[in-house]
Amino acid sequence: MPRRMPKTLGLLAATLAVVCVLSACSPTAGDGAAEGAVTPALADVTPLADPLSWHGPSTAVAASAAIDPITDGSQTLPASVVDAQGTPVTVIDTSRILTLDIYGSLSRIVFELGLGDQVVARDTSSAFPEIADLPVVTENGHDLNAEAILAAAPTVILTDTSLGPWDTILQMRDAGIPVVVVDAHRSLDSIGSLTEQVAAALGVPERGAALAARTTAAVDDKIAQIAEIAPTDPDKKLRMMFLYARGQSGVYYLFGEESGADSLIEALGGVDVAGEIGWQGMRPVTDEALVDANPDLFIMMTKGLESVGGVDGLVEHLPAVAQTDAGRHRRIVDMSDTTVLSFGPAAASVLDALAVAVYAPEEAQ
């Protein structure tokens, strides 16, 4: 049994967790409610003839798709797996499941696997209506609360390395609770493998394969739909960057290659500017990096944009933004903190809403 988290496993996700802790971010299950009406579907809007011509911000609010559980395929227990840390784990009881990650994607996967009625608590990032009434076992944003976890009496815990302190996870193992650590790297490309890891640990591999195929097909279809409206001329493609902000703490990060945000930008038909300048993972913003990158558009979390006082406040807190085309044109697309990087079964609806905010921003207002 490993006594410490491997240095390489989940480094990017752990960085995000550190940022949230330092900045006291605490997105709640309802943090998208204040954003207004759901963004219309991409199929129902008319995209701009020239996306570079738009001036002004827009908000993406993904449609809240109801859980559509897959129930075909029996459950086989005990289920023995070797988790992402190389730890052999045997799960003999899934009657009380607890999922813990900064994205909220693990809980959604469990519900879509038809085991939602066995989930006993939730992390702060789990935002869908079906789980909202369950007790929260994280505090101060994304800190694991050992007492709350033990009070939930889970028979199995599924987690990654994005929440801490890690000693709390070790404490759960010492208490005799099987803990399965899944891959912490998230992107559109990894949704299928993540789903299958969760399903294998819960003894429903056939359901996992079906859910992975369904989710991947929906994402592929949405990417193809976006490609039909996104500019093909390299000179007209939007140059995008993902900017993380917590103004009250003075925390500003740019998300680069292998952060997950890069796959989102590529799926939206944009150019990942962070990749062009060799920006790896999640790193603190520098004025030089912003000015050199000169993006046409920033993607941000809604609470992050609110924390700096909106677009005007962002320019005030981070003056280098004003020296970019995105700042000059006020081109910022924001989306709920608990949604934009969730990379789970609802990924296609996230892409749909973001694409409308990017390519038909007037209709996303």
Protein backbone atom coordinates (compact mmCIF):
# COMPACT_ATOMS: atom_id res chain seq x y z
CA MET A 1 0.00 0.00 0.00
CA PRO A 2 1.61 3.31 -1.09
CA ARG A 3 2.14 5.82 1.72
CA ARG A 4 2.46 8.87 -0.45
CA MET A 5 1.07 10.16 -3.71
CA PRO A 6 3.45 9.54 -6.62
CA LYS A 7 5.03 12.77 -7.83
CA THR A 8 3.93 12.35 -11.42
CA LEU A 9 0.44 10.95 -10.98
CA GLY A 10 -2.16 13.64 -11.24
CA LEU A 11 0.32 16.51 -11.13
CA LEU A 12 -1.87 18.78 -13.20
CA ALA A 13 -5.03 18.03 -11.28
CA ALA A 14 -3.22 18.48 -8.01
CA THR A 15 -2.02 21.89 -9.17
CA LEU A 16 -5.60 22.94 -9.73
CA ALA A 17 -6.52 21.70 -6.28
CA VAL A 18 -3.72 23.77 -4.76
CA VAL A 19 -4.94 26.82 -6.63
CA CYS A 20 -8.46 26.32 -5.31
CA VAL A 21 -7.28 25.88 -1.74
CA LEU A 22 -5.05 28.96 -1.88
CA SER A 23 -7.82 31.04 -3.36
CA ALA A 24 -10.58 29.66 -1.13
CA CYS A 25 -12.68 28.87 -4.16
CA SER A 26 -15.89 27.11 -3.34
CA PRO A 27 -18.12 26.51 -6.33
CA THR A 28 -21.42 25.08 -5.24
CA ALA A 29 -23.86 22.77 -6.89
CA GLY A 30 -25.96 25.72 -7.99
CA ASP A 31 -23.28 28.07 -9.20
CA GLY A 32 -24.57 27.98 -12.75
CA ALA A 33 -28.08 29.01 -11.79
CA ALA A 34 -27.26 32.69 -11.62
CA GLU A 35 -25.95 32.68 -15.17
CA GLY A 36 -29.43 32.95 -16.63
CA ALA A 37 -31.26 30.87 -19.18
CA VAL A 38 -29.66 27.82 -20.74
CA THR A 39 -27.67 28.59 -23.86
CA PRO A 40 -29.61 27.60 -26.99
CA ALA A 41 -28.45 24.54 -28.87
CA LEU A 42 -25.80 24.92 -31.54
CA ALA A 43 -28.18 23.49 -34.14
CA ASP A 44 -30.65 26.32 -33.44
CA VAL A 45 -28.36 29.35 -33.83
CA THR A 46 -26.82 31.24 -36.70
CA PRO A 47 -23.05 31.55 -36.32
CA LEU A 48 -21.15 34.74 -37.04
CA ALA A 49 -19.79 35.06 -40.53
CA ASP A 50 -16.51 36.21 -38.98
CA PRO A 51 -15.96 35.17 -35.32
CA LEU A 52 -13.06 37.64 -35.10
CA SER A 53 -15.44 40.54 -35.64
CA TRP A 54 -17.34 40.17 -32.37
CA HIS A 55 -16.80 42.56 -29.47
CA GLY A 56 -17.97 41.69 -25.98
CA PRO A 57 -18.21 38.80 -23.49
CA SER A 58 -20.60 35.87 -23.52
CA THR A 59 -21.67 33.19 -21.06
CA ALA A 60 -22.14 29.50 -21.84
CA VAL A 61 -24.72 27.61 -19.80
CA ALA A 62 -24.91 23.93 -20.71
CA ALA A 63 -28.29 22.25 -20.81
CA SER A 64 -28.77 20.06 -17.76
CA ALA A 65 -29.27 16.63 -19.25
CA ALA A 66 -31.08 14.17 -17.01
CA ILE A 67 -29.25 11.02 -15.97
CA ASP A 68 -29.77 8.27 -18.53
CA PRO A 69 -28.47 5.21 -16.69
CA ILE A 70 -27.21 2.12 -18.45
CA THR A 71 -28.63 -0.91 -16.71
CA ASP A 72 -27.91 -3.69 -19.20
CA GLY A 73 -25.19 -6.01 -17.94
CA SER A 74 -25.01 -7.62 -14.54
CA GLN A 75 -22.74 -6.62 -11.68
CA THR A 76 -20.02 -9.05 -10.63
CA LEU A 77 -18.46 -8.78 -7.19
CA PRO A 78 -15.88 -9.01 -5.81
CA ALA A 79 -14.13 -6.86 -8.39
CA SER A 80 -10.33 -6.89 -8.30
CA VAL A 81 -8.40 -4.12 -10.07
CA VAL A 82 -4.96 -2.55 -10.07
CA ASP A 83 -5.59 1.17 -9.74
CA ALA A 84 -3.77 4.10 -11.37
CA GLN A 85 -1.16 4.07 -8.61
CA GLY A 86 -0.40 0.41 -9.16
CA THR A 87 -2.22 -0.61 -5.98
CA PRO A 88 -4.21 -3.88 -6.07
CA VAL A 89 -7.72 -3.25 -4.72
CA THR A 90 -10.60 -5.68 -4.24
CA VAL A 91 -14.10 -4.26 -3.96
CA ILE A 92 -16.61 -6.61 -2.36
CA ASP A 93 -19.45 -4.21 -1.53
CA THR A 94 -20.80 -1.26 -3.56
CA SER A 95 -23.86 -0.58 -1.45
CA ARG A 96 -22.38 2.73 -0.23
CA ILE A 97 -20.27 4.41 -2.90
CA LEU A 98 -18.35 7.65 -2.43
CA THR A 99 -16.70 9.47 -5.33
CA LEU A 100 -14.20 12.29 -4.79
CA ASP A 101 -12.59 14.50 -7.44
CA ILE A 102 -12.26 18.18 -8.20
CA TYR A 103 -14.18 17.88 -11.46
CA GLY A 104 -17.33 16.11 -10.24
CA SER A 105 -17.07 13.71 -13.16
CA LEU A 106 -16.67 10.50 -11.14
CA SER A 107 -20.04 10.87 -9.45
CA ARG A 108 -21.78 11.52 -12.77
CA ILE A 109 -20.19 8.40 -14.24
CA VAL A 110 -21.42 6.27 -11.32
CA PHE A 111 -24.96 7.58 -11.77
CA GLU A 112 -24.84 6.92 -15.52
CA LEU A 113 -23.69 3.36 -14.76
CA GLY A 114 -27.00 2.81 -12.97
CA LEU A 115 -25.52 2.86 -9.46
CA GLY A 116 -26.58 6.33 -8.41
CA ASP A 117 -28.91 5.11 -5.69
CA GLN A 118 -25.85 3.63 -3.95
CA VAL A 119 -23.91 6.91 -3.76
CA VAL A 120 -24.00 8.17 -0.15
CA ALA A 121 -22.32 11.61 -0.26
CA ARG A 122 -20.70 14.03 -2.68
CA ASP A 123 -17.83 16.42 -3.24
CA THR A 124 -18.46 20.12 -3.81
CA SER A 125 -18.02 19.88 -7.56
CA SER A 126 -20.78 17.32 -8.11
CA ALA A 127 -23.42 19.70 -9.42
CA PHE A 128 -26.16 17.75 -11.19
CA PRO A 129 -29.68 17.75 -9.67
CA GLU A 130 -29.84 14.02 -8.92
CA ILE A 131 -27.00 14.25 -6.40
CA ALA A 132 -27.65 17.71 -4.95
CA ASP A 133 -29.44 16.51 -1.79
CA LEU A 134 -26.60 14.27 -0.60
CA PRO A 135 -24.29 15.48 2.20
CA VAL A 136 -21.03 17.17 1.20
CA VAL A 137 -17.76 15.71 2.50
CA THR A 138 -15.46 18.51 1.33
CA GLU A 139 -14.95 21.83 3.06
CA ASN A 140 -13.28 25.16 2.31
CA GLY A 141 -13.80 24.43 -1.34
CA HIS A 142 -12.01 21.14 -1.94
CA ASP A 143 -10.52 19.96 1.36
CA LEU A 144 -11.43 16.40 2.27
CA ASN A 145 -13.17 16.16 5.64
CA ALA A 146 -12.20 12.84 7.24
CA GLU A 147 -14.98 12.96 9.84
CA ALA A 148 -17.63 13.61 7.21
CA ILE A 149 -16.31 10.80 5.03
CA LEU A 150 -16.33 8.30 7.88
CA ALA A 151 -19.82 9.45 8.90
CA ALA A 152 -21.03 8.58 5.39
CA ALA A 153 -19.78 5.02 6.03
CA PRO A 154 -18.72 4.25 2.44
CA THR A 155 -18.00 0.67 1.47
CA VAL A 156 -15.84 1.86 -1.43
CA ILE A 157 -14.21 5.17 -2.38
CA LEU A 158 -13.35 6.18 -5.93
CA THR A 159 -11.00 9.14 -6.23
CA ASP A 160 -8.02 10.57 -8.05
CA THR A 161 -5.22 12.82 -6.81
CA SER A 162 -7.01 16.15 -7.32
CA LEU A 163 -8.32 16.54 -3.75
CA GLY A 164 -6.40 16.65 -0.50
CA PRO A 165 -4.98 16.30 1.98
CA TRP A 166 -3.68 12.96 0.76
CA ASP A 167 -3.30 11.76 4.33
CA THR A 168 -7.10 11.68 4.52
CA ILE A 169 -7.20 9.12 1.72
CA LEU A 170 -4.56 7.06 3.48
CA GLN A 171 -6.62 7.30 6.66
CA MET A 172 -9.60 5.82 4.82
CA ARG A 173 -7.47 2.91 3.64
CA ASP A 174 -6.19 2.39 7.16
CA ALA A 175 -9.81 2.27 8.30
CA GLY A 176 -10.34 -0.71 5.98
CA ILE A 177 -12.26 1.07 3.22
CA PRO A 178 -11.25 -0.02 -0.30
CA VAL A 179 -9.95 3.08 -2.13
CA VAL A 180 -9.56 2.96 -5.90
CA VAL A 181 -7.46 5.76 -7.38
CA VAL A 182 -8.26 6.46 -11.03
CA ASP A 183 -6.25 8.44 -13.56
CA ALA A 184 -6.27 12.15 -12.66
CA HIS A 185 -5.44 13.38 -16.16
CA ARG A 186 -8.61 14.71 -17.78
CA SER A 187 -9.32 15.58 -21.37
CA LEU A 188 -11.94 14.83 -23.97
CA ASP A 189 -9.78 11.94 -25.18
CA SER A 190 -9.61 10.30 -21.75
CA ILE A 191 -13.33 10.21 -20.93
CA GLY A 192 -13.77 6.69 -22.27
CA SER A 193 -10.85 5.19 -20.35
CA LEU A 194 -11.88 6.97 -17.14
CA THR A 195 -15.39 5.56 -17.48
CA GLU A 196 -14.04 2.06 -17.93
CA GLN A 197 -11.77 2.39 -14.89
CA VAL A 198 -14.74 3.34 -12.72
CA ALA A 199 -16.92 0.59 -14.12
CA ALA A 200 -14.26 -2.07 -13.62
CA ALA A 201 -13.84 -1.12 -9.96
CA LEU A 202 -17.60 -1.36 -9.38
CA GLY A 203 -17.97 -4.70 -11.13
CA VAL A 204 -19.93 -3.45 -14.15
CA PRO A 205 -17.39 -3.53 -17.01
CA GLU A 206 -20.04 -4.17 -19.68
CA ARG A 207 -21.94 -1.06 -18.64
CA GLY A 208 -18.69 0.86 -18.62
CA ALA A 209 -17.90 -0.13 -22.18
CA ALA A 210 -21.39 0.89 -23.28
CA LEU A 211 -21.25 4.24 -21.47
CA ALA A 212 -17.76 4.96 -22.78
CA ALA A 213 -18.91 4.25 -26.33
CA ARG A 214 -22.04 6.39 -25.92
CA THR A 215 -20.14 9.34 -24.47
CA THR A 216 -17.31 9.16 -26.99
CA ALA A 217 -19.76 9.00 -29.89
CA ALA A 218 -21.66 12.04 -28.59
CA VAL A 219 -18.42 14.02 -28.21
CA ASP A 220 -17.21 13.01 -31.67
CA ASP A 221 -20.54 14.02 -33.20
CA LYS A 222 -20.42 17.39 -31.46
CA ILE A 223 -16.84 18.06 -32.56
CA ALA A 224 -17.88 17.29 -36.14
CA GLN A 225 -20.84 19.68 -35.82
CA ILE A 226 -18.58 22.43 -34.49
CA ALA A 227 -16.11 21.83 -37.32
CA GLU A 228 -18.87 22.68 -39.81
CA ILE A 229 -19.17 26.24 -38.47
CA ALA A 230 -15.64 26.96 -37.25
CA PRO A 231 -13.36 28.80 -39.68
CA THR A 232 -11.06 26.58 -41.71
CA ASP A 233 -8.78 29.41 -42.79
CA PRO A 234 -5.90 29.47 -40.27
CA ASP A 235 -5.91 33.28 -40.35
CA LYS A 236 -9.55 33.38 -39.24
CA LYS A 237 -9.39 30.77 -36.49
CA LEU A 238 -9.84 32.14 -32.98
CA ARG A 239 -6.71 32.02 -30.88
CA MET A 240 -7.86 30.94 -27.41
CA MET A 241 -6.43 30.61 -23.91
CA PHE A 242 -7.93 29.26 -20.69
CA LEU A 243 -7.43 31.79 -17.89
CA TYR A 244 -8.06 30.80 -14.26
CA ALA A 245 -8.61 33.68 -11.82
CA ARG A 246 -9.41 34.17 -8.17
CA GLY A 247 -9.19 37.92 -7.76
CA GLN A 248 -9.75 38.06 -4.02
CA SER A 249 -6.52 36.08 -3.57
CA GLY A 250 -4.60 37.50 -6.51
CA VAL A 251 -4.36 34.06 -8.12
CA TYR A 252 -4.11 33.93 -11.92
CA TYR A 253 -3.15 30.82 -13.86
CA LEU A 254 -2.89 30.00 -17.54
CA PHE A 255 -3.80 26.44 -18.52
CA GLY A 256 -1.58 25.03 -21.22
CA GLU A 257 -0.75 21.73 -22.87
CA GLU A 258 -1.90 18.58 -21.04
CA SER A 259 -4.16 20.59 -18.74
CA GLY A 260 -7.35 19.39 -20.41
CA ALA A 261 -8.16 22.92 -21.50
CA ASP A 262 -6.08 22.35 -24.63
CA SER A 263 -8.36 19.53 -25.77
CA LEU A 264 -11.38 21.74 -25.15
CA ILE A 265 -9.97 24.54 -27.30
CA GLU A 266 -9.04 22.17 -30.10
CA ALA A 267 -12.54 20.64 -30.04
CA LEU A 268 -13.98 24.15 -30.38
CA GLY A 269 -12.01 24.64 -33.58
CA GLY A 270 -9.72 27.19 -32.02
CA VAL A 271 -5.96 27.53 -31.82
CA ASP A 272 -4.50 26.68 -28.41
CA VAL A 273 -2.18 29.67 -28.02
CA ALA A 274 -0.65 28.29 -24.84
CA GLY A 275 0.60 25.37 -26.90
CA GLU A 276 2.19 27.74 -29.39
CA ILE A 277 4.29 29.36 -26.67
CA GLY A 278 5.13 26.02 -25.04
CA TRP A 279 3.04 26.59 -21.92
CA GLN A 280 2.86 23.26 -20.11
CA GLY A 281 0.21 22.36 -17.55
CA MET A 282 -1.13 25.02 -15.19
CA ARG A 283 1.24 27.85 -14.34
CA PRO A 284 0.96 31.34 -12.85
CA VAL A 285 0.27 34.08 -15.37
CA THR A 286 3.04 36.44 -16.41
CA ASP A 287 2.46 39.71 -18.25
CA GLU A 288 5.05 38.68 -20.82
CA ALA A 289 3.28 35.40 -21.56
CA LEU A 290 -0.07 37.12 -22.04
CA VAL A 291 1.29 39.79 -24.35
CA ASP A 292 3.40 37.33 -26.36
CA ALA A 293 0.47 34.94 -26.75
CA ASN A 294 -2.00 37.69 -27.70
CA PRO A 295 -5.13 35.51 -27.74
CA ASP A 296 -8.34 36.55 -29.47
CA LEU A 297 -10.47 34.98 -26.74
CA PHE A 298 -10.17 33.89 -23.13
CA ILE A 299 -12.20 31.01 -21.66
CA MET A 300 -12.81 31.45 -17.94
CA MET A 301 -14.76 29.97 -15.06
CA THR A 302 -17.80 32.07 -14.15
CA LYS A 303 -16.90 32.43 -10.48
CA GLY A 304 -13.38 33.36 -11.48
CA LEU A 305 -14.59 36.17 -13.72
CA GLU A 306 -16.97 37.33 -10.99
CA SER A 307 -14.15 37.33 -8.45
CA VAL A 308 -12.33 40.08 -10.33
CA GLY A 309 -15.45 42.14 -10.98
CA GLY A 310 -16.17 41.04 -14.54
CA VAL A 311 -14.33 42.09 -17.67
CA ASP A 312 -13.59 45.61 -16.43
CA GLY A 313 -12.22 44.26 -13.17
CA LEU A 314 -10.09 41.69 -14.98
CA VAL A 315 -8.37 44.41 -16.98
CA GLU A 316 -7.85 46.40 -13.80
CA HIS A 317 -6.41 43.47 -11.84
CA LEU A 318 -4.40 42.09 -14.75
CA PRO A 319 -3.46 45.05 -16.98
CA ALA A 320 -1.64 42.86 -19.50
CA VAL A 321 -5.05 41.56 -20.59
CA ALA A 322 -5.75 44.98 -22.11
CA GLN A 323 -2.70 44.53 -24.34
CA THR A 324 -4.19 41.44 -26.00
CA ASP A 325 -6.79 41.31 -28.76
CA ALA A 326 -9.07 39.43 -26.36
CA GLY A 327 -8.83 42.30 -23.86
CA ARG A 328 -9.26 45.02 -26.45
CA HIS A 329 -12.36 43.31 -27.84
CA ARG A 330 -13.61 42.13 -24.41
CA ARG A 331 -13.79 38.61 -25.83
CA ILE A 332 -14.25 36.43 -22.78
CA VAL A 333 -16.40 33.31 -22.66
CA ASP A 334 -17.23 32.12 -19.16
CA MET A 335 -18.85 28.91 -17.98
CA SER A 336 -19.78 27.42 -14.60
CA ASP A 337 -16.80 26.33 -12.52
CA THR A 338 -18.31 22.90 -11.95
CA THR A 339 -19.03 22.32 -15.64
CA VAL A 340 -16.40 23.70 -17.98
CA LEU A 341 -13.65 21.15 -17.19
CA SER A 342 -15.85 18.29 -15.98
CA PHE A 343 -14.87 15.92 -18.84
CA GLY A 344 -17.54 13.33 -18.11
CA PRO A 345 -20.73 11.91 -19.61
CA ALA A 346 -22.12 15.42 -20.22
CA ALA A 347 -19.08 16.60 -22.21
CA ALA A 348 -21.01 16.93 -25.48
CA SER A 349 -23.48 19.39 -23.94
CA VAL A 350 -20.57 21.40 -22.50
CA LEU A 351 -19.01 21.66 -25.96
CA ASP A 352 -22.36 22.61 -27.47
CA ALA A 353 -22.89 25.54 -25.08
CA LEU A 354 -19.31 26.75 -25.42
CA ALA A 355 -19.51 26.62 -29.21
CA VAL A 356 -22.60 28.84 -29.19
CA ALA A 357 -20.90 31.33 -26.86
CA VAL A 358 -17.88 31.41 -29.16
CA TYR A 359 -19.49 31.40 -32.60
CA ALA A 360 -22.97 32.84 -31.95
CA PRO A 361 -22.29 35.02 -28.89
CA GLU A 362 -25.25 37.33 -29.41
CA GLU A 363 -27.60 34.37 -29.00
CA ALA A 364 -25.77 33.17 -25.87
CA GLN A 365 -26.35 36.43 -23.98
